[in-house]
């Protein structure tokens, strides 16, 4: 389940990366057109044009690589879930994590639950119950003590990572609001003739990238929350 979930998150993250790369390609193409116009007006050199063309090719190669990686992740996911690699099942969106869920987390209770649920610790405790040799018993007691320390640390680390992901998400939302406001200003400037079409396209690309950043941060937040939950539910490092 954890591996399938990881593929699901990776699939959507790669989709967002691909969308961002395609936005950047459109921007490099616009820059190429402007460079052509500048060259015709004697305001740019042939080297400038070649550099602009090279930027397009680089972006195209990046997009091609990302498409290949995305398809591989998609196939890994659907095969794990029982489909054939060539099938085309609908892949739904990743659920959103509410801030209320995060704020309601009781880390101390989570650590106790992780100790009760951890598979490695439960196995070692059962081995201790069945042990009759003193040397084996002593070794198992030390192992169990070490397990418990590592489990508590793993839960705490997962929780701190979750808080960091929450902060990053909130920052991405704030940055997106700023980018959208700047886009509105640029639209007015374009209409008034105070900025160029390329400058507006750059701001549009920035705004689109900011929206993608919010979606990416939401995926990171979901992943961090699920990692914490998996730790509590038995998979903390022991």
C-alpha atoms as a PDB file:
ATOM      1  CA  UNK A   1       0.000   0.000   0.000  1.00  0.00           C
ATOM      2  CA  UNK A   2       2.813   2.372   0.876  1.00  0.00           C
ATOM      3  CA  UNK A   3       4.586   1.697  -2.429  1.00  0.00           C
ATOM      4  CA  UNK A   4       1.408   2.196  -4.456  1.00  0.00           C
ATOM      5  CA  UNK A   5       0.758   5.439  -2.626  1.00  0.00           C
ATOM      6  CA  UNK A   6       4.302   6.560  -3.385  1.00  0.00           C
ATOM      7  CA  UNK A   7       3.808   5.853  -7.106  1.00  0.00           C
ATOM      8  CA  UNK A   8       0.530   7.777  -7.037  1.00  0.00           C
ATOM      9  CA  UNK A   9       2.151  10.846  -5.508  1.00  0.00           C
ATOM     10  CA  UNK A  10       5.138  10.623  -7.871  1.00  0.00           C
ATOM     11  CA  UNK A  11       2.805  10.368 -10.857  1.00  0.00           C
ATOM     12  CA  UNK A  12       0.999  13.585  -9.983  1.00  0.00           C
ATOM     13  CA  UNK A  13       4.216  15.386  -9.057  1.00  0.00           C
ATOM     14  CA  UNK A  14       5.719  14.455 -12.439  1.00  0.00           C
ATOM     15  CA  UNK A  15       2.571  15.675 -14.183  1.00  0.00           C
ATOM     16  CA  UNK A  16       3.031  19.064 -12.546  1.00  0.00           C
ATOM     17  CA  UNK A  17       6.721  19.155 -13.477  1.00  0.00           C
ATOM     18  CA  UNK A  18       5.787  18.381 -17.075  1.00  0.00           C
ATOM     19  CA  UNK A  19       3.192  21.159 -17.133  1.00  0.00           C
ATOM     20  CA  UNK A  20       5.792  23.598 -15.838  1.00  0.00           C
ATOM     21  CA  UNK A  21       8.311  22.474 -18.454  1.00  0.00           C
ATOM     22  CA  UNK A  22       5.738  23.017 -21.219  1.00  0.00           C
ATOM     23  CA  UNK A  23       5.049  26.517 -19.889  1.00  0.00           C
ATOM     24  CA  UNK A  24       8.771  27.256 -20.023  1.00  0.00           C
ATOM     25  CA  UNK A  25       8.959  25.949 -23.583  1.00  0.00           C
ATOM     26  CA  UNK A  26       6.219  28.377 -24.651  1.00  0.00           C
ATOM     27  CA  UNK A  27       8.209  31.187 -23.060  1.00  0.00           C
ATOM     28  CA  UNK A  28      11.421  30.207 -24.852  1.00  0.00           C
ATOM     29  CA  UNK A  29       9.510  30.126 -28.140  1.00  0.00           C
ATOM     30  CA  UNK A  30       8.174  33.634 -27.485  1.00  0.00           C
ATOM     31  CA  UNK A  31      11.709  34.782 -26.706  1.00  0.00           C
ATOM     32  CA  UNK A  32      12.914  33.203 -29.966  1.00  0.00           C
ATOM     33  CA  UNK A  33      10.284  35.161 -31.924  1.00  0.00           C
ATOM     34  CA  UNK A  34      11.347  38.398 -30.241  1.00  0.00           C
ATOM     35  CA  UNK A  35      14.997  37.670 -30.976  1.00  0.00           C
ATOM     36  CA  UNK A  36      14.137  37.153 -34.641  1.00  0.00           C
ATOM     37  CA  UNK A  37      12.459  40.553 -34.721  1.00  0.00           C
ATOM     38  CA  UNK A  38      15.435  42.161 -32.986  1.00  0.00           C
ATOM     39  CA  UNK A  39      17.812  40.525 -35.466  1.00  0.00           C
ATOM     40  CA  UNK A  40      15.826  41.945 -38.372  1.00  0.00           C
ATOM     41  CA  UNK A  41      15.998  45.384 -36.745  1.00  0.00           C
ATOM     42  CA  UNK A  42      19.724  45.089 -36.122  1.00  0.00           C
ATOM     43  CA  UNK A  43      19.268  44.907 -32.327  1.00  0.00           C
ATOM     44  CA  UNK A  44      20.455  41.305 -31.925  1.00  0.00           C
ATOM     45  CA  UNK A  45      23.118  39.070 -33.388  1.00  0.00           C
ATOM     46  CA  UNK A  46      22.965  35.688 -35.084  1.00  0.00           C
ATOM     47  CA  UNK A  47      24.530  34.212 -31.944  1.00  0.00           C
ATOM     48  CA  UNK A  48      21.611  35.562 -29.890  1.00  0.00           C
ATOM     49  CA  UNK A  49      19.226  33.809 -32.247  1.00  0.00           C
ATOM     50  CA  UNK A  50      21.160  30.547 -32.070  1.00  0.00           C
ATOM     51  CA  UNK A  51      21.160  30.719 -28.272  1.00  0.00           C
ATOM     52  CA  UNK A  52      17.398  31.277 -28.260  1.00  0.00           C
ATOM     53  CA  UNK A  53      16.945  28.316 -30.594  1.00  0.00           C
ATOM     54  CA  UNK A  54      19.178  26.160 -28.391  1.00  0.00           C
ATOM     55  CA  UNK A  55      17.018  27.024 -25.381  1.00  0.00           C
ATOM     56  CA  UNK A  56      13.976  25.652 -27.215  1.00  0.00           C
ATOM     57  CA  UNK A  57      15.779  22.404 -28.062  1.00  0.00           C
ATOM     58  CA  UNK A  58      16.947  22.000 -24.471  1.00  0.00           C
ATOM     59  CA  UNK A  59      13.411  22.476 -23.218  1.00  0.00           C
ATOM     60  CA  UNK A  60      12.076  19.988 -25.776  1.00  0.00           C
ATOM     61  CA  UNK A  61      14.584  17.387 -24.602  1.00  0.00           C
ATOM     62  CA  UNK A  62      13.561  17.995 -21.001  1.00  0.00           C
ATOM     63  CA  UNK A  63       9.891  17.557 -21.890  1.00  0.00           C
ATOM     64  CA  UNK A  64      10.620  14.327 -23.748  1.00  0.00           C
ATOM     65  CA  UNK A  65      12.538  12.905 -20.791  1.00  0.00           C
ATOM     66  CA  UNK A  66       9.807  13.911 -18.360  1.00  0.00           C
ATOM     67  CA  UNK A  67       7.117  12.289 -20.513  1.00  0.00           C
ATOM     68  CA  UNK A  68       9.080   9.039 -20.522  1.00  0.00           C
ATOM     69  CA  UNK A  69       9.514   9.114 -16.750  1.00  0.00           C
ATOM     70  CA  UNK A  70       5.834   9.944 -16.248  1.00  0.00           C
ATOM     71  CA  UNK A  71       4.724   6.999 -18.369  1.00  0.00           C
ATOM     72  CA  UNK A  72       7.047   4.642 -16.497  1.00  0.00           C
ATOM     73  CA  UNK A  73       5.599   5.776 -13.175  1.00  0.00           C
ATOM     74  CA  UNK A  74       2.065   5.375 -14.528  1.00  0.00           C
ATOM     75  CA  UNK A  75       2.816   1.822 -15.638  1.00  0.00           C
ATOM     76  CA  UNK A  76       4.418   0.956 -12.292  1.00  0.00           C
ATOM     77  CA  UNK A  77       1.316   2.194 -10.508  1.00  0.00           C
ATOM     78  CA  UNK A  78      -1.323   0.455 -12.598  1.00  0.00           C
ATOM     79  CA  UNK A  79       0.583  -2.854 -12.823  1.00  0.00           C
ATOM     80  CA  UNK A  80       0.915  -2.879  -9.030  1.00  0.00           C
ATOM     81  CA  UNK A  81      -2.852  -2.392  -8.822  1.00  0.00           C
ATOM     82  CA  UNK A  82      -3.656  -5.238 -11.197  1.00  0.00           C
ATOM     83  CA  UNK A  83      -3.863  -3.710 -14.673  1.00  0.00           C
ATOM     84  CA  UNK A  84      -1.651  -4.413 -17.663  1.00  0.00           C
ATOM     85  CA  UNK A  85       1.039  -1.855 -18.519  1.00  0.00           C
ATOM     86  CA  UNK A  86      -0.793  -0.801 -21.689  1.00  0.00           C
ATOM     87  CA  UNK A  87      -4.162  -0.277 -20.006  1.00  0.00           C
ATOM     88  CA  UNK A  88      -5.552   3.220 -19.524  1.00  0.00           C
ATOM     89  CA  UNK A  89      -7.473   3.312 -16.241  1.00  0.00           C
ATOM     90  CA  UNK A  90      -8.524   6.692 -14.935  1.00  0.00           C
ATOM     91  CA  UNK A  91      -6.139   7.910 -12.253  1.00  0.00           C
ATOM     92  CA  UNK A  92      -7.881  10.142  -9.723  1.00  0.00           C
ATOM     93  CA  UNK A  93      -6.498  13.121  -7.888  1.00  0.00           C
ATOM     94  CA  UNK A  94      -4.651  12.916  -4.577  1.00  0.00           C
ATOM     95  CA  UNK A  95      -6.856  13.927  -1.613  1.00  0.00           C
ATOM     96  CA  UNK A  96      -6.239  17.228   0.135  1.00  0.00           C
ATOM     97  CA  UNK A  97      -5.074  17.303   3.741  1.00  0.00           C
ATOM     98  CA  UNK A  98      -6.960  19.731   5.962  1.00  0.00           C
ATOM     99  CA  UNK A  99      -5.045  21.980   8.318  1.00  0.00           C
ATOM    100  CA  UNK A 100      -7.480  20.917  11.046  1.00  0.00           C
ATOM    101  CA  UNK A 101      -6.245  17.324  10.732  1.00  0.00           C
ATOM    102  CA  UNK A 102      -2.639  18.439  11.110  1.00  0.00           C
ATOM    103  CA  UNK A 103      -3.342  20.810  13.974  1.00  0.00           C
ATOM    104  CA  UNK A 104      -5.234  18.063  15.822  1.00  0.00           C
ATOM    105  CA  UNK A 105      -2.242  15.703  15.884  1.00  0.00           C
ATOM    106  CA  UNK A 106      -1.176  14.580  19.367  1.00  0.00           C
ATOM    107  CA  UNK A 107       2.455  13.584  18.890  1.00  0.00           C
ATOM    108  CA  UNK A 108       2.785  11.973  22.308  1.00  0.00           C
ATOM    109  CA  UNK A 109      -0.238   9.771  21.611  1.00  0.00           C
ATOM    110  CA  UNK A 110       1.142   9.070  18.158  1.00  0.00           C
ATOM    111  CA  UNK A 111       4.395   7.775  19.610  1.00  0.00           C
ATOM    112  CA  UNK A 112       2.547   5.449  21.980  1.00  0.00           C
ATOM    113  CA  UNK A 113       0.404   4.164  19.130  1.00  0.00           C
ATOM    114  CA  UNK A 114       3.528   3.642  17.013  1.00  0.00           C
ATOM    115  CA  UNK A 115       5.069   1.537  19.792  1.00  0.00           C
ATOM    116  CA  UNK A 116       1.936  -0.579  20.004  1.00  0.00           C
ATOM    117  CA  UNK A 117       1.611  -1.012  16.243  1.00  0.00           C
ATOM    118  CA  UNK A 118       5.211  -1.404  15.096  1.00  0.00           C
ATOM    119  CA  UNK A 119       5.732  -4.742  13.394  1.00  0.00           C
ATOM    120  CA  UNK A 120       9.426  -5.099  14.216  1.00  0.00           C
ATOM    121  CA  UNK A 121       8.872  -4.298  17.883  1.00  0.00           C
ATOM    122  CA  UNK A 122       5.918  -6.673  18.172  1.00  0.00           C
ATOM    123  CA  UNK A 123       7.959  -9.508  16.656  1.00  0.00           C
ATOM    124  CA  UNK A 124      10.873  -8.892  19.013  1.00  0.00           C
ATOM    125  CA  UNK A 125       8.563  -8.798  22.031  1.00  0.00           C
ATOM    126  CA  UNK A 126       7.045 -12.108  20.984  1.00  0.00           C
ATOM    127  CA  UNK A 127      10.525 -13.564  20.619  1.00  0.00           C
ATOM    128  CA  UNK A 128      11.336 -12.355  24.126  1.00  0.00           C
ATOM    129  CA  UNK A 129       8.236 -14.044  25.492  1.00  0.00           C
ATOM    130  CA  UNK A 130       9.297 -17.323  23.895  1.00  0.00           C
ATOM    131  CA  UNK A 131      12.964 -17.059  24.884  1.00  0.00           C
ATOM    132  CA  UNK A 132      14.364 -19.240  27.645  1.00  0.00           C
ATOM    133  CA  UNK A 133      18.111 -18.631  27.322  1.00  0.00           C
ATOM    134  CA  UNK A 134      19.503 -15.782  29.411  1.00  0.00           C
ATOM    135  CA  UNK A 135      21.959 -14.651  26.746  1.00  0.00           C
ATOM    136  CA  UNK A 136      19.216 -14.456  24.113  1.00  0.00           C
ATOM    137  CA  UNK A 137      16.839 -12.759  26.542  1.00  0.00           C
ATOM    138  CA  UNK A 138      19.361 -10.061  27.439  1.00  0.00           C
ATOM    139  CA  UNK A 139      20.115  -9.420  23.803  1.00  0.00           C
ATOM    140  CA  UNK A 140      16.425  -9.138  22.947  1.00  0.00           C
ATOM    141  CA  UNK A 141      15.797  -6.738  25.825  1.00  0.00           C
ATOM    142  CA  UNK A 142      18.541  -4.459  24.508  1.00  0.00           C
ATOM    143  CA  UNK A 143      17.151  -4.755  20.990  1.00  0.00           C
ATOM    144  CA  UNK A 144      13.645  -3.869  22.165  1.00  0.00           C
ATOM    145  CA  UNK A 145      14.930  -0.853  24.072  1.00  0.00           C
ATOM    146  CA  UNK A 146      16.749   0.289  20.938  1.00  0.00           C
ATOM    147  CA  UNK A 147      13.611  -0.339  18.857  1.00  0.00           C
ATOM    148  CA  UNK A 148      11.538   1.839  21.140  1.00  0.00           C
ATOM    149  CA  UNK A 149      14.017   4.723  20.984  1.00  0.00           C
ATOM    150  CA  UNK A 150      14.176   4.553  17.194  1.00  0.00           C
ATOM    151  CA  UNK A 151      10.387   4.396  16.854  1.00  0.00           C
ATOM    152  CA  UNK A 152       9.857   7.485  18.998  1.00  0.00           C
ATOM    153  CA  UNK A 153      12.552   9.321  17.058  1.00  0.00           C
ATOM    154  CA  UNK A 154      11.058   8.235  13.726  1.00  0.00           C
ATOM    155  CA  UNK A 155       7.609   9.527  14.688  1.00  0.00           C
ATOM    156  CA  UNK A 156       9.049  12.822  15.939  1.00  0.00           C
ATOM    157  CA  UNK A 157      11.081  13.238  12.739  1.00  0.00           C
ATOM    158  CA  UNK A 158       8.020  12.525  10.584  1.00  0.00           C
ATOM    159  CA  UNK A 159       6.010  15.069  12.555  1.00  0.00           C
ATOM    160  CA  UNK A 160       8.669  17.761  12.161  1.00  0.00           C
ATOM    161  CA  UNK A 161       8.809  17.043   8.418  1.00  0.00           C
ATOM    162  CA  UNK A 162       5.027  17.414   8.320  1.00  0.00           C
ATOM    163  CA  UNK A 163       5.221  20.820  10.012  1.00  0.00           C
ATOM    164  CA  UNK A 164       7.904  21.898   7.517  1.00  0.00           C
ATOM    165  CA  UNK A 165       5.700  20.758   4.614  1.00  0.00           C
ATOM    166  CA  UNK A 166       2.757  22.686   6.096  1.00  0.00           C
ATOM    167  CA  UNK A 167       4.857  25.854   6.274  1.00  0.00           C
ATOM    168  CA  UNK A 168       6.075  25.375   2.696  1.00  0.00           C
ATOM    169  CA  UNK A 169       2.490  24.961   1.515  1.00  0.00           C
ATOM    170  CA  UNK A 170       1.393  28.139   3.269  1.00  0.00           C
ATOM    171  CA  UNK A 171       4.324  30.022   1.737  1.00  0.00           C
ATOM    172  CA  UNK A 172       3.457  28.677  -1.727  1.00  0.00           C
ATOM    173  CA  UNK A 173      -0.132  29.863  -1.322  1.00  0.00           C
ATOM    174  CA  UNK A 174       1.054  33.341  -0.310  1.00  0.00           C
ATOM    175  CA  UNK A 175       3.504  33.496  -3.236  1.00  0.00           C
ATOM    176  CA  UNK A 176       0.759  32.450  -5.627  1.00  0.00           C
ATOM    177  CA  UNK A 177      -1.512  35.237  -4.397  1.00  0.00           C
ATOM    178  CA  UNK A 178       1.281  37.736  -5.026  1.00  0.00           C
ATOM    179  CA  UNK A 179       1.977  36.307  -8.493  1.00  0.00           C
ATOM    180  CA  UNK A 180      -1.695  36.507  -9.479  1.00  0.00           C
ATOM    181  CA  UNK A 181      -1.877  40.127  -8.301  1.00  0.00           C
ATOM    182  CA  UNK A 182       1.238  40.963 -10.328  1.00  0.00           C
ATOM    183  CA  UNK A 183      -0.306  39.263 -13.361  1.00  0.00           C
ATOM    184  CA  UNK A 184      -3.367  41.504 -13.076  1.00  0.00           C
ATOM    185  CA  UNK A 185      -1.090  44.554 -12.946  1.00  0.00           C
ATOM    186  CA  UNK A 186       0.805  43.305 -15.993  1.00  0.00           C
ATOM    187  CA  UNK A 187      -2.436  42.782 -17.895  1.00  0.00           C
ATOM    188  CA  UNK A 188      -3.360  46.390 -17.239  1.00  0.00           C
ATOM    189  CA  UNK A 189       0.127  47.468 -18.294  1.00  0.00           C
ATOM    190  CA  UNK A 190      -0.120  45.498 -21.526  1.00  0.00           C
ATOM    191  CA  UNK A 191      -3.462  47.083 -22.338  1.00  0.00           C
ATOM    192  CA  UNK A 192      -2.052  50.517 -21.606  1.00  0.00           C
ATOM    193  CA  UNK A 193       1.043  49.841 -23.699  1.00  0.00           C
ATOM    194  CA  UNK A 194       3.484  50.315 -20.824  1.00  0.00           C
ATOM    195  CA  UNK A 195       4.931  46.779 -21.008  1.00  0.00           C
ATOM    196  CA  UNK A 196       5.763  44.485 -23.890  1.00  0.00           C
ATOM    197  CA  UNK A 197       3.900  41.339 -24.866  1.00  0.00           C
ATOM    198  CA  UNK A 198       6.958  39.291 -23.896  1.00  0.00           C
ATOM    199  CA  UNK A 199       7.063  40.893 -20.449  1.00  0.00           C
ATOM    200  CA  UNK A 200       3.407  39.969 -19.994  1.00  0.00           C
ATOM    201  CA  UNK A 201       4.042  36.409 -21.142  1.00  0.00           C
ATOM    202  CA  UNK A 202       6.877  36.194 -18.618  1.00  0.00           C
ATOM    203  CA  UNK A 203       4.531  37.306 -15.856  1.00  0.00           C
ATOM    204  CA  UNK A 204       1.914  34.834 -17.074  1.00  0.00           C
ATOM    205  CA  UNK A 205       4.512  32.076 -16.901  1.00  0.00           C
ATOM    206  CA  UNK A 206       5.451  33.182 -13.389  1.00  0.00           C
ATOM    207  CA  UNK A 207       1.804  33.089 -12.328  1.00  0.00           C
ATOM    208  CA  UNK A 208       1.296  29.645 -13.846  1.00  0.00           C
ATOM    209  CA  UNK A 209       4.470  28.414 -12.141  1.00  0.00           C
ATOM    210  CA  UNK A 210       3.188  29.781  -8.824  1.00  0.00           C
ATOM    211  CA  UNK A 211      -0.059  27.836  -9.223  1.00  0.00           C
ATOM    212  CA  UNK A 212       1.889  24.680 -10.023  1.00  0.00           C
ATOM    213  CA  UNK A 213       4.051  25.333  -6.959  1.00  0.00           C
ATOM    214  CA  UNK A 214       0.923  25.380  -4.781  1.00  0.00           C
ATOM    215  CA  UNK A 215      -0.217  22.053  -6.218  1.00  0.00           C
ATOM    216  CA  UNK A 216       3.251  20.569  -5.747  1.00  0.00           C
ATOM    217  CA  UNK A 217       3.381  21.812  -2.158  1.00  0.00           C
ATOM    218  CA  UNK A 218      -0.047  20.258  -1.559  1.00  0.00           C
ATOM    219  CA  UNK A 219       1.317  16.912  -2.778  1.00  0.00           C
ATOM    220  CA  UNK A 220       4.345  17.281  -0.524  1.00  0.00           C
ATOM    221  CA  UNK A 221       2.038  18.039   2.397  1.00  0.00           C
ATOM    222  CA  UNK A 222      -0.119  14.998   1.682  1.00  0.00           C
ATOM    223  CA  UNK A 223       2.980  12.808   1.429  1.00  0.00           C
ATOM    224  CA  UNK A 224       4.362  14.154   4.707  1.00  0.00           C
ATOM    225  CA  UNK A 225       1.032  13.577   6.450  1.00  0.00           C
ATOM    226  CA  UNK A 226       0.800  10.023   5.140  1.00  0.00           C
ATOM    227  CA  UNK A 227       4.408   9.348   6.152  1.00  0.00           C
ATOM    228  CA  UNK A 228       3.534  10.391   9.690  1.00  0.00           C
ATOM    229  CA  UNK A 229       0.437   8.174   9.623  1.00  0.00           C
ATOM    230  CA  UNK A 230       2.431   5.182   8.347  1.00  0.00           C
ATOM    231  CA  UNK A 231       4.915   5.712  11.177  1.00  0.00           C
ATOM    232  CA  UNK A 232       2.112   5.671  13.734  1.00  0.00           C
ATOM    233  CA  UNK A 233       0.391   2.701  12.129  1.00  0.00           C
ATOM    234  CA  UNK A 234       3.346   0.326  12.279  1.00  0.00           C
ATOM    235  CA  UNK A 235       6.042   1.324   9.812  1.00  0.00           C
ATOM    236  CA  UNK A 236       8.232   3.582  11.943  1.00  0.00           C
ATOM    237  CA  UNK A 237      11.906   2.807  11.566  1.00  0.00           C
ATOM    238  CA  UNK A 238      12.920   0.472  14.375  1.00  0.00           C
END
